[in-house]
Amino acid sequence: MKIFVSYTTLDKEINKEFLLNLYCLLRPWSEVFIDLINNDSVCKQDRVLEELRTCNVLILIVSPNVWHSKWVNFELSKARSRGIPIIEISRMFLLNLMPRIIF
């Protein structure tokens, strides 16, 4: 299983530490792509498109500004066009679920 995580950093709680904790939480069970954590490519947008093309599920971190993100809306549109399941998870649920520091 390959998971693509969609999110926006327009909300201050969705930062590198939060995303790294989420990555560590999901990684034991699946291959995970989180752009801010895993994208070391020269052509970052091409890498995002490739990861979207090859994922089995998209996890959307729902936060107050998520629907204002052009990239999030683009990722959701691509996932829907490919029939990829979208799982919406609230940022508050994740903040309460994850230990503060895993790494």
PDB file of N, CA and C in Angstrom:
ATOM      1  N   MET A   1       0.848  -1.183   0.000  1.00  0.00           N
ATOM      2  CA  MET A   1       0.000   0.000   0.000  1.00  0.00           C
ATOM      3  C   MET A   1       0.887   1.237   0.000  1.00  0.00           C
ATOM      4  N   LYS A   2       0.509   2.206  -0.808  1.00  0.00           N
ATOM      5  CA  LYS A   2       1.254   3.458  -0.903  1.00  0.00           C
ATOM      6  C   LYS A   2       0.305   4.612  -0.589  1.00  0.00           C
ATOM      7  N   ILE A   3       0.669   5.411   0.417  1.00  0.00           N
ATOM      8  CA  ILE A   3      -0.164   6.515   0.892  1.00  0.00           C
ATOM      9  C   ILE A   3       0.436   7.845   0.444  1.00  0.00           C
ATOM     10  N   PHE A   4      -0.408   8.701  -0.098  1.00  0.00           N
ATOM     11  CA  PHE A   4      -0.042  10.085  -0.425  1.00  0.00           C
ATOM     12  C   PHE A   4      -0.754  10.962   0.592  1.00  0.00           C
ATOM     13  N   VAL A   5      -0.018  11.823   1.286  1.00  0.00           N
ATOM     14  CA  VAL A   5      -0.620  12.701   2.293  1.00  0.00           C
ATOM     15  C   VAL A   5      -0.751  14.099   1.700  1.00  0.00           C
ATOM     16  N   SER A   6      -1.968  14.616   1.695  1.00  0.00           N
ATOM     17  CA  SER A   6      -2.263  15.957   1.194  1.00  0.00           C
ATOM     18  C   SER A   6      -2.575  16.862   2.378  1.00  0.00           C
ATOM     19  N   TYR A   7      -2.031  18.071   2.346  1.00  0.00           N
ATOM     20  CA  TYR A   7      -2.148  18.988   3.490  1.00  0.00           C
ATOM     21  C   TYR A   7      -1.808  20.394   3.015  1.00  0.00           C
ATOM     22  N   THR A   8      -2.026  21.364   3.874  1.00  0.00           N
ATOM     23  CA  THR A   8      -1.542  22.716   3.624  1.00  0.00           C
ATOM     24  C   THR A   8      -0.773  23.203   4.843  1.00  0.00           C
ATOM     25  N   THR A   9       0.285  23.931   4.587  1.00  0.00           N
ATOM     26  CA  THR A   9       1.035  24.552   5.683  1.00  0.00           C
ATOM     27  C   THR A   9       0.537  25.981   5.954  1.00  0.00           C
ATOM     28  N   LEU A  10      -0.599  26.331   5.352  1.00  0.00           N
ATOM     29  CA  LEU A  10      -1.217  27.623   5.670  1.00  0.00           C
ATOM     30  C   LEU A  10      -1.661  27.664   7.131  1.00  0.00           C
ATOM     31  N   ASP A  11      -1.891  26.493   7.702  1.00  0.00           N
ATOM     32  CA  ASP A  11      -2.225  26.392   9.125  1.00  0.00           C
ATOM     33  C   ASP A  11      -0.946  26.082   9.891  1.00  0.00           C
ATOM     34  N   LYS A  12      -0.605  26.918  10.859  1.00  0.00           N
ATOM     35  CA  LYS A  12       0.701  26.815  11.525  1.00  0.00           C
ATOM     36  C   LYS A  12       0.954  25.484  12.216  1.00  0.00           C
ATOM     37  N   GLU A  13      -0.110  24.774  12.608  1.00  0.00           N
ATOM     38  CA  GLU A  13       0.083  23.479  13.266  1.00  0.00           C
ATOM     39  C   GLU A  13       0.576  22.408  12.302  1.00  0.00           C
ATOM     40  N   ILE A  14       0.369  22.617  11.014  1.00  0.00           N
ATOM     41  CA  ILE A  14       0.839  21.662  10.012  1.00  0.00           C
ATOM     42  C   ILE A  14       2.226  22.129   9.573  1.00  0.00           C
ATOM     43  N   ASN A  15       3.206  21.653  10.311  1.00  0.00           N
ATOM     44  CA  ASN A  15       4.588  22.048  10.056  1.00  0.00           C
ATOM     45  C   ASN A  15       5.452  20.796   9.890  1.00  0.00           C
ATOM     46  N   LYS A  16       6.739  20.998   9.707  1.00  0.00           N
ATOM     47  CA  LYS A  16       7.618  19.863   9.447  1.00  0.00           C
ATOM     48  C   LYS A  16       7.609  18.856  10.601  1.00  0.00           C
ATOM     49  N   GLU A  17       7.595  19.326  11.831  1.00  0.00           N
ATOM     50  CA  GLU A  17       7.567  18.413  12.990  1.00  0.00           C
ATOM     51  C   GLU A  17       6.285  17.574  12.990  1.00  0.00           C
ATOM     52  N   PHE A  18       5.156  18.218  12.777  1.00  0.00           N
ATOM     53  CA  PHE A  18       3.877  17.514  12.713  1.00  0.00           C
ATOM     54  C   PHE A  18       3.907  16.455  11.614  1.00  0.00           C
ATOM     55  N   LEU A  19       4.379  16.836  10.436  1.00  0.00           N
ATOM     56  CA  LEU A  19       4.401  15.916   9.295  1.00  0.00           C
ATOM     57  C   LEU A  19       5.390  14.778   9.502  1.00  0.00           C
ATOM     58  N   LEU A  20       6.506  15.055  10.144  1.00  0.00           N
ATOM     59  CA  LEU A  20       7.476  13.999  10.437  1.00  0.00           C
ATOM     60  C   LEU A  20       6.900  13.005  11.449  1.00  0.00           C
ATOM     61  N   ASN A  21       6.188  13.510  12.427  1.00  0.00           N
ATOM     62  CA  ASN A  21       5.511  12.623  13.384  1.00  0.00           C
ATOM     63  C   ASN A  21       4.477  11.751  12.682  1.00  0.00           C
ATOM     64  N   LEU A  22       3.723  12.347  11.770  1.00  0.00           N
ATOM     65  CA  LEU A  22       2.737  11.579  11.012  1.00  0.00           C
ATOM     66  C   LEU A  22       3.425  10.522  10.152  1.00  0.00           C
ATOM     67  N   TYR A  23       4.507  10.900   9.514  1.00  0.00           N
ATOM     68  CA  TYR A  23       5.276   9.951   8.700  1.00  0.00           C
ATOM     69  C   TYR A  23       5.724   8.762   9.559  1.00  0.00           C
ATOM     70  N   CYS A  24       6.268   9.046  10.726  1.00  0.00           N
ATOM     71  CA  CYS A  24       6.735   7.978  11.621  1.00  0.00           C
ATOM     72  C   CYS A  24       5.580   7.103  12.108  1.00  0.00           C
ATOM     73  N   LEU A  25       4.411   7.673  12.258  1.00  0.00           N
ATOM     74  CA  LEU A  25       3.232   6.924  12.683  1.00  0.00           C
ATOM     75  C   LEU A  25       2.755   5.971  11.579  1.00  0.00           C
ATOM     76  N   LEU A  26       2.786   6.421  10.333  1.00  0.00           N
ATOM     77  CA  LEU A  26       2.265   5.626   9.214  1.00  0.00           C
ATOM     78  C   LEU A  26       3.282   4.665   8.616  1.00  0.00           C
ATOM     79  N   ARG A  27       4.544   5.002   8.663  1.00  0.00           N
ATOM     80  CA  ARG A  27       5.591   4.274   7.951  1.00  0.00           C
ATOM     81  C   ARG A  27       5.698   2.790   8.300  1.00  0.00           C
ATOM     82  N   PRO A  28       5.472   2.361   9.525  1.00  0.00           N
ATOM     83  CA  PRO A  28       5.590   0.918   9.810  1.00  0.00           C
ATOM     84  C   PRO A  28       4.600   0.059   9.016  1.00  0.00           C
ATOM     85  N   TRP A  29       3.498   0.656   8.548  1.00  0.00           N
ATOM     86  CA  TRP A  29       2.470  -0.131   7.879  1.00  0.00           C
ATOM     87  C   TRP A  29       2.379   0.109   6.381  1.00  0.00           C
ATOM     88  N   SER A  30       3.054   1.125   5.879  1.00  0.00           N
ATOM     89  CA  SER A  30       2.864   1.462   4.477  1.00  0.00           C
ATOM     90  C   SER A  30       3.999   2.338   3.965  1.00  0.00           C
ATOM     91  N   GLU A  31       4.116   2.384   2.646  1.00  0.00           N
ATOM     92  CA  GLU A  31       4.996   3.365   2.013  1.00  0.00           C
ATOM     93  C   GLU A  31       4.239   4.688   2.046  1.00  0.00           C
ATOM     94  N   VAL A  32       4.906   5.761   2.438  1.00  0.00           N
ATOM     95  CA  VAL A  32       4.237   7.044   2.650  1.00  0.00           C
ATOM     96  C   VAL A  32       4.974   8.134   1.888  1.00  0.00           C
ATOM     97  N   PHE A  33       4.211   9.008   1.224  1.00  0.00           N
ATOM     98  CA  PHE A  33       4.799  10.187   0.596  1.00  0.00           C
ATOM     99  C   PHE A  33       4.175  11.433   1.198  1.00  0.00           C
ATOM    100  N   ILE A  34       5.028  12.244   1.824  1.00  0.00           N
ATOM    101  CA  ILE A  34       4.648  13.556   2.340  1.00  0.00           C
ATOM    102  C   ILE A  34       5.628  14.532   1.703  1.00  0.00           C
ATOM    103  N   ASP A  35       5.131  15.403   0.860  1.00  0.00           N
ATOM    104  CA  ASP A  35       5.967  16.271   0.045  1.00  0.00           C
ATOM    105  C   ASP A  35       7.072  16.961   0.849  1.00  0.00           C
ATOM    106  N   LEU A  36       6.737  17.601   1.934  1.00  0.00           N
ATOM    107  CA  LEU A  36       7.716  18.352   2.723  1.00  0.00           C
ATOM    108  C   LEU A  36       8.792  17.452   3.328  1.00  0.00           C
ATOM    109  N   ILE A  37       8.475  16.194   3.561  1.00  0.00           N
ATOM    110  CA  ILE A  37       9.406  15.247   4.167  1.00  0.00           C
ATOM    111  C   ILE A  37      10.186  14.456   3.114  1.00  0.00           C
ATOM    112  N   ASN A  38       9.508  13.987   2.086  1.00  0.00           N
ATOM    113  CA  ASN A  38      10.097  13.022   1.156  1.00  0.00           C
ATOM    114  C   ASN A  38      10.535  13.576  -0.190  1.00  0.00           C
ATOM    115  N   ASN A  39      10.181  14.798  -0.519  1.00  0.00           N
ATOM    116  CA  ASN A  39      10.456  15.295  -1.866  1.00  0.00           C
ATOM    117  C   ASN A  39      11.808  15.991  -1.942  1.00  0.00           C
ATOM    118  N   ASP A  40      12.814  15.206  -2.344  1.00  0.00           N
ATOM    119  CA  ASP A  40      14.157  15.752  -2.531  1.00  0.00           C
ATOM    120  C   ASP A  40      14.501  15.879  -4.016  1.00  0.00           C
ATOM    121  N   SER A  41      13.495  15.814  -4.862  1.00  0.00           N
ATOM    122  CA  SER A  41      13.685  15.853  -6.304  1.00  0.00           C
ATOM    123  C   SER A  41      14.013  17.256  -6.788  1.00  0.00           C
ATOM    124  N   VAL A  42      14.697  17.321  -7.911  1.00  0.00           N
ATOM    125  CA  VAL A  42      14.987  18.602  -8.549  1.00  0.00           C
ATOM    126  C   VAL A  42      13.687  19.204  -9.068  1.00  0.00           C
ATOM    127  N   CYS A  43      12.882  18.397  -9.729  1.00  0.00           N
ATOM    128  CA  CYS A  43      11.575  18.833 -10.253  1.00  0.00           C
ATOM    129  C   CYS A  43      10.492  18.396  -9.267  1.00  0.00           C
ATOM    130  N   LYS A  44      10.285  19.199  -8.250  1.00  0.00           N
ATOM    131  CA  LYS A  44       9.384  18.825  -7.158  1.00  0.00           C
ATOM    132  C   LYS A  44       7.950  18.590  -7.629  1.00  0.00           C
ATOM    133  N   GLN A  45       7.453  19.408  -8.542  1.00  0.00           N
ATOM    134  CA  GLN A  45       6.081  19.237  -9.017  1.00  0.00           C
ATOM    135  C   GLN A  45       5.925  17.920  -9.777  1.00  0.00           C
ATOM    136  N   ASP A  46       6.933  17.556 -10.576  1.00  0.00           N
ATOM    137  CA  ASP A  46       6.887  16.273 -11.292  1.00  0.00           C
ATOM    138  C   ASP A  46       6.849  15.106 -10.315  1.00  0.00           C
ATOM    139  N   ARG A  47       7.596  15.228  -9.227  1.00  0.00           N
ATOM    140  CA  ARG A  47       7.613  14.165  -8.217  1.00  0.00           C
ATOM    141  C   ARG A  47       6.250  14.020  -7.557  1.00  0.00           C
ATOM    142  N   VAL A  48       5.609  15.139  -7.243  1.00  0.00           N
ATOM    143  CA  VAL A  48       4.271  15.095  -6.653  1.00  0.00           C
ATOM    144  C   VAL A  48       3.310  14.385  -7.606  1.00  0.00           C
ATOM    145  N   LEU A  49       3.374  14.727  -8.882  1.00  0.00           N
ATOM    146  CA  LEU A  49       2.500  14.093  -9.877  1.00  0.00           C
ATOM    147  C   LEU A  49       2.762  12.594  -9.965  1.00  0.00           C
ATOM    148  N   GLU A  50       4.031  12.193  -9.933  1.00  0.00           N
ATOM    149  CA  GLU A  50       4.378  10.773  -9.991  1.00  0.00           C
ATOM    150  C   GLU A  50       3.867  10.036  -8.758  1.00  0.00           C
ATOM    151  N   GLU A  51       4.034  10.631  -7.593  1.00  0.00           N
ATOM    152  CA  GLU A  51       3.555  10.002  -6.363  1.00  0.00           C
ATOM    153  C   GLU A  51       2.030   9.881  -6.361  1.00  0.00           C
ATOM    154  N   LEU A  52       1.352  10.894  -6.876  1.00  0.00           N
ATOM    155  CA  LEU A  52      -0.109  10.815  -6.997  1.00  0.00           C
ATOM    156  C   LEU A  52      -0.515   9.714  -7.961  1.00  0.00           C
ATOM    157  N   ARG A  53       0.233   9.572  -9.034  1.00  0.00           N
ATOM    158  CA  ARG A  53      -0.082   8.571 -10.055  1.00  0.00           C
ATOM    159  C   ARG A  53       0.060   7.147  -9.528  1.00  0.00           C
ATOM    160  N   THR A  54       0.971   6.959  -8.578  1.00  0.00           N
ATOM    161  CA  THR A  54       1.274   5.605  -8.116  1.00  0.00           C
ATOM    162  C   THR A  54       0.725   5.269  -6.727  1.00  0.00           C
ATOM    163  N   CYS A  55       0.009   6.192  -6.096  1.00  0.00           N
ATOM    164  CA  CYS A  55      -0.497   5.894  -4.747  1.00  0.00           C
ATOM    165  C   CYS A  55      -1.774   5.074  -4.813  1.00  0.00           C
ATOM    166  N   ASN A  56      -2.065   4.402  -3.698  1.00  0.00           N
ATOM    167  CA  ASN A  56      -3.289   3.607  -3.566  1.00  0.00           C
ATOM    168  C   ASN A  56      -4.373   4.315  -2.778  1.00  0.00           C
ATOM    169  N   VAL A  57      -3.950   5.274  -1.962  1.00  0.00           N
ATOM    170  CA  VAL A  57      -4.894   6.010  -1.124  1.00  0.00           C
ATOM    171  C   VAL A  57      -4.303   7.395  -0.845  1.00  0.00           C
ATOM    172  N   LEU A  58      -5.193   8.378  -0.726  1.00  0.00           N
ATOM    173  CA  LEU A  58      -4.776   9.731  -0.362  1.00  0.00           C
ATOM    174  C   LEU A  58      -5.379  10.047   0.992  1.00  0.00           C
ATOM    175  N   ILE A  59      -4.532  10.461   1.914  1.00  0.00           N
ATOM    176  CA  ILE A  59      -5.005  10.938   3.217  1.00  0.00           C
ATOM    177  C   ILE A  59      -4.982  12.458   3.168  1.00  0.00           C
ATOM    178  N   LEU A  60      -6.128  13.059   3.424  1.00  0.00           N
ATOM    179  CA  LEU A  60      -6.250  14.510   3.463  1.00  0.00           C
ATOM    180  C   LEU A  60      -6.285  14.957   4.913  1.00  0.00           C
ATOM    181  N   ILE A  61      -5.334  15.796   5.289  1.00  0.00           N
ATOM    182  CA  ILE A  61      -5.350  16.372   6.636  1.00  0.00           C
ATOM    183  C   ILE A  61      -6.239  17.609   6.572  1.00  0.00           C
ATOM    184  N   VAL A  62      -7.396  17.515   7.207  1.00  0.00           N
ATOM    185  CA  VAL A  62      -8.369  18.602   7.162  1.00  0.00           C
ATOM    186  C   VAL A  62      -8.024  19.607   8.253  1.00  0.00           C
ATOM    187  N   SER A  63      -7.770  20.824   7.818  1.00  0.00           N
ATOM    188  CA  SER A  63      -7.448  21.933   8.712  1.00  0.00           C
ATOM    189  C   SER A  63      -8.227  23.153   8.222  1.00  0.00           C
ATOM    190  N   PRO A  64      -8.282  24.214   9.009  1.00  0.00           N
ATOM    191  CA  PRO A  64      -9.128  25.356   8.632  1.00  0.00           C
ATOM    192  C   PRO A  64      -8.868  25.916   7.228  1.00  0.00           C
ATOM    193  N   ASN A  65      -7.635  25.925   6.777  1.00  0.00           N
ATOM    194  CA  ASN A  65      -7.326  26.535   5.483  1.00  0.00           C
ATOM    195  C   ASN A  65      -7.111  25.543   4.346  1.00  0.00           C
ATOM    196  N   VAL A  66      -7.384  24.271   4.592  1.00  0.00           N
ATOM    197  CA  VAL A  66      -7.069  23.254   3.583  1.00  0.00           C
ATOM    198  C   VAL A  66      -7.788  23.512   2.258  1.00  0.00           C
ATOM    199  N   TRP A  67      -9.024  23.990   2.310  1.00  0.00           N
ATOM    200  CA  TRP A  67      -9.796  24.183   1.075  1.00  0.00           C
ATOM    201  C   TRP A  67      -9.345  25.426   0.306  1.00  0.00           C
ATOM    202  N   HIS A  68      -8.487  26.245   0.916  1.00  0.00           N
ATOM    203  CA  HIS A  68      -7.944  27.437   0.246  1.00  0.00           C
ATOM    204  C   HIS A  68      -6.655  27.138  -0.518  1.00  0.00           C
ATOM    205  N   SER A  69      -6.154  25.942  -0.367  1.00  0.00           N
ATOM    206  CA  SER A  69      -4.890  25.568  -1.011  1.00  0.00           C
ATOM    207  C   SER A  69      -5.135  25.091  -2.438  1.00  0.00           C
ATOM    208  N   LYS A  70      -4.530  25.778  -3.404  1.00  0.00           N
ATOM    209  CA  LYS A  70      -4.654  25.365  -4.810  1.00  0.00           C
ATOM    210  C   LYS A  70      -4.053  23.967  -5.004  1.00  0.00           C
ATOM    211  N   TRP A  71      -2.923  23.701  -4.338  1.00  0.00           N
ATOM    212  CA  TRP A  71      -2.282  22.387  -4.496  1.00  0.00           C
ATOM    213  C   TRP A  71      -3.134  21.274  -3.919  1.00  0.00           C
ATOM    214  N   VAL A  72      -3.719  21.494  -2.767  1.00  0.00           N
ATOM    215  CA  VAL A  72      -4.585  20.463  -2.176  1.00  0.00           C
ATOM    216  C   VAL A  72      -5.756  20.173  -3.117  1.00  0.00           C
ATOM    217  N   ASN A  73      -6.382  21.205  -3.621  1.00  0.00           N
ATOM    218  CA  ASN A  73      -7.509  21.003  -4.532  1.00  0.00           C
ATOM    219  C   ASN A  73      -7.071  20.301  -5.812  1.00  0.00           C
ATOM    220  N   PHE A  74      -5.886  20.611  -6.298  1.00  0.00           N
ATOM    221  CA  PHE A  74      -5.337  19.931  -7.466  1.00  0.00           C
ATOM    222  C   PHE A  74      -5.110  18.446  -7.162  1.00  0.00           C
ATOM    223  N   GLU A  75      -4.493  18.158  -6.014  1.00  0.00           N
ATOM    224  CA  GLU A  75      -4.227  16.764  -5.622  1.00  0.00           C
ATOM    225  C   GLU A  75      -5.522  15.973  -5.475  1.00  0.00           C
ATOM    226  N   LEU A  76      -6.527  16.586  -4.867  1.00  0.00           N
ATOM    227  CA  LEU A  76      -7.821  15.917  -4.706  1.00  0.00           C
ATOM    228  C   LEU A  76      -8.471  15.639  -6.062  1.00  0.00           C
ATOM    229  N   SER A  77      -8.389  16.589  -6.956  1.00  0.00           N
ATOM    230  CA  SER A  77      -8.947  16.411  -8.298  1.00  0.00           C
ATOM    231  C   SER A  77      -8.271  15.255  -9.025  1.00  0.00           C
ATOM    232  N   LYS A  78      -6.943  15.193  -8.945  1.00  0.00           N
ATOM    233  CA  LYS A  78      -6.197  14.100  -9.581  1.00  0.00           C
ATOM    234  C   LYS A  78      -6.581  12.754  -8.968  1.00  0.00           C
ATOM    235  N   ALA A  79      -6.673  12.716  -7.632  1.00  0.00           N
ATOM    236  CA  ALA A  79      -7.029  11.468  -6.960  1.00  0.00           C
ATOM    237  C   ALA A  79      -8.435  11.016  -7.385  1.00  0.00           C
ATOM    238  N   ARG A  80      -9.382  11.936  -7.415  1.00  0.00           N
ATOM    239  CA  ARG A  80     -10.750  11.587  -7.817  1.00  0.00           C
ATOM    240  C   ARG A  80     -10.785  11.069  -9.251  1.00  0.00           C
ATOM    241  N   SER A  81     -10.017  11.717 -10.141  1.00  0.00           N
ATOM    242  CA  SER A  81     -10.032  11.302 -11.551  1.00  0.00           C
ATOM    243  C   SER A  81      -9.449   9.899 -11.732  1.00  0.00           C
ATOM    244  N   ARG A  82      -8.606   9.469 -10.821  1.00  0.00           N
ATOM    245  CA  ARG A  82      -8.023   8.132 -10.877  1.00  0.00           C
ATOM    246  C   ARG A  82      -8.780   7.124 -10.024  1.00  0.00           C
ATOM    247  N   GLY A  83      -9.803   7.568  -9.315  1.00  0.00           N
ATOM    248  CA  GLY A  83     -10.563   6.662  -8.457  1.00  0.00           C
ATOM    249  C   GLY A  83      -9.818   6.264  -7.197  1.00  0.00           C
ATOM    250  N   ILE A  84      -8.871   7.085  -6.775  1.00  0.00           N
ATOM    251  CA  ILE A  84      -8.098   6.805  -5.559  1.00  0.00           C
ATOM    252  C   ILE A  84      -8.957   7.159  -4.344  1.00  0.00           C
ATOM    253  N   PRO A  85      -9.088   6.250  -3.388  1.00  0.00           N
ATOM    254  CA  PRO A  85      -9.846   6.566  -2.173  1.00  0.00           C
ATOM    255  C   PRO A  85      -9.215   7.737  -1.426  1.00  0.00           C
ATOM    256  N   ILE A  86     -10.063   8.620  -0.926  1.00  0.00           N
ATOM    257  CA  ILE A  86      -9.617   9.785  -0.150  1.00  0.00           C
ATOM    258  C   ILE A  86     -10.136   9.626   1.269  1.00  0.00           C
ATOM    259  N   ILE A  87      -9.216   9.641   2.213  1.00  0.00           N
ATOM    260  CA  ILE A  87      -9.574   9.529   3.625  1.00  0.00           C
ATOM    261  C   ILE A  87      -9.303  10.882   4.270  1.00  0.00           C
ATOM    262  N   GLU A  88     -10.341  11.505   4.787  1.00  0.00           N
ATOM    263  CA  GLU A  88     -10.193  12.800   5.456  1.00  0.00           C
ATOM    264  C   GLU A  88      -9.979  12.577   6.942  1.00  0.00           C
ATOM    265  N   ILE A  89      -8.922  13.179   7.469  1.00  0.00           N
ATOM    266  CA  ILE A  89      -8.617  13.079   8.901  1.00  0.00           C
ATOM    267  C   ILE A  89      -8.380  14.487   9.428  1.00  0.00           C
ATOM    268  N   SER A  90      -9.040  14.824  10.495  1.00  0.00           N
ATOM    269  CA  SER A  90      -8.904  16.155  11.063  1.00  0.00           C
ATOM    270  C   SER A  90      -7.530  16.343  11.714  1.00  0.00           C
ATOM    271  N   ARG A  91      -6.985  17.527  11.536  1.00  0.00           N
ATOM    272  CA  ARG A  91      -5.678  17.841  12.134  1.00  0.00           C
ATOM    273  C   ARG A  91      -5.758  17.739  13.650  1.00  0.00           C
ATOM    274  N   MET A  92      -6.893  18.113  14.240  1.00  0.00           N
ATOM    275  CA  MET A  92      -7.027  18.043  15.702  1.00  0.00           C
ATOM    276  C   MET A  92      -6.995  16.593  16.175  1.00  0.00           C
ATOM    277  N   PHE A  93      -7.631  15.699  15.434  1.00  0.00           N
ATOM    278  CA  PHE A  93      -7.573  14.281  15.775  1.00  0.00           C
ATOM    279  C   PHE A  93      -6.125  13.810  15.762  1.00  0.00           C
ATOM    280  N   LEU A  94      -5.385  14.177  14.721  1.00  0.00           N
ATOM    281  CA  LEU A  94      -3.986  13.758  14.623  1.00  0.00           C
ATOM    282  C   LEU A  94      -3.122  14.384  15.713  1.00  0.00           C
ATOM    283  N   LEU A  95      -3.367  15.648  16.016  1.00  0.00           N
ATOM    284  CA  LEU A  95      -2.601  16.302  17.088  1.00  0.00           C
ATOM    285  C   LEU A  95      -2.800  15.586  18.419  1.00  0.00           C
ATOM    286  N   ASN A  96      -4.011  15.107  18.675  1.00  0.00           N
ATOM    287  CA  ASN A  96      -4.288  14.391  19.918  1.00  0.00           C
ATOM    288  C   ASN A  96      -3.774  12.961  19.892  1.00  0.00           C
ATOM    289  N   LEU A  97      -3.677  12.385  18.699  1.00  0.00           N
ATOM    290  CA  LEU A  97      -3.266  10.989  18.553  1.00  0.00           C
ATOM    291  C   LEU A  97      -1.749  10.814  18.632  1.00  0.00           C
ATOM    292  N   MET A  98      -1.036  11.728  18.008  1.00  0.00           N
ATOM    293  CA  MET A  98       0.422  11.549  17.864  1.00  0.00           C
ATOM    294  C   MET A  98       1.163  12.020  19.099  1.00  0.00           C
ATOM    295  N   PRO A  99       2.169  11.238  19.482  1.00  0.00           N
ATOM    296  CA  PRO A  99       3.075  11.739  20.519  1.00  0.00           C
ATOM    297  C   PRO A  99       3.772  12.997  19.988  1.00  0.00           C
ATOM    298  N   ARG A 100       4.171  13.847  20.859  1.00  0.00           N
ATOM    299  CA  ARG A 100       4.792  15.102  20.439  1.00  0.00           C
ATOM    300  C   ARG A 100       6.097  14.901  19.670  1.00  0.00           C
ATOM    301  N   ILE A 101       6.920  14.014  20.149  1.00  0.00           N
ATOM    302  CA  ILE A 101       8.206  13.756  19.472  1.00  0.00           C
ATOM    303  C   ILE A 101       8.371  12.252  19.319  1.00  0.00           C
ATOM    304  N   ILE A 102       8.464  11.796  18.087  1.00  0.00           N
ATOM    305  CA  ILE A 102       8.718  10.387  17.823  1.00  0.00           C
ATOM    306  C   ILE A 102      10.165  10.196  17.415  1.00  0.00           C
ATOM    307  N   PHE A 103      10.704  11.106  16.682  1.00  0.00           N
ATOM    308  CA  PHE A 103      12.052  10.973  16.134  1.00  0.00           C
ATOM    309  C   PHE A 103      13.125  11.341  17.129  1.00  0.00           C
TER     310      PHE A 103
END
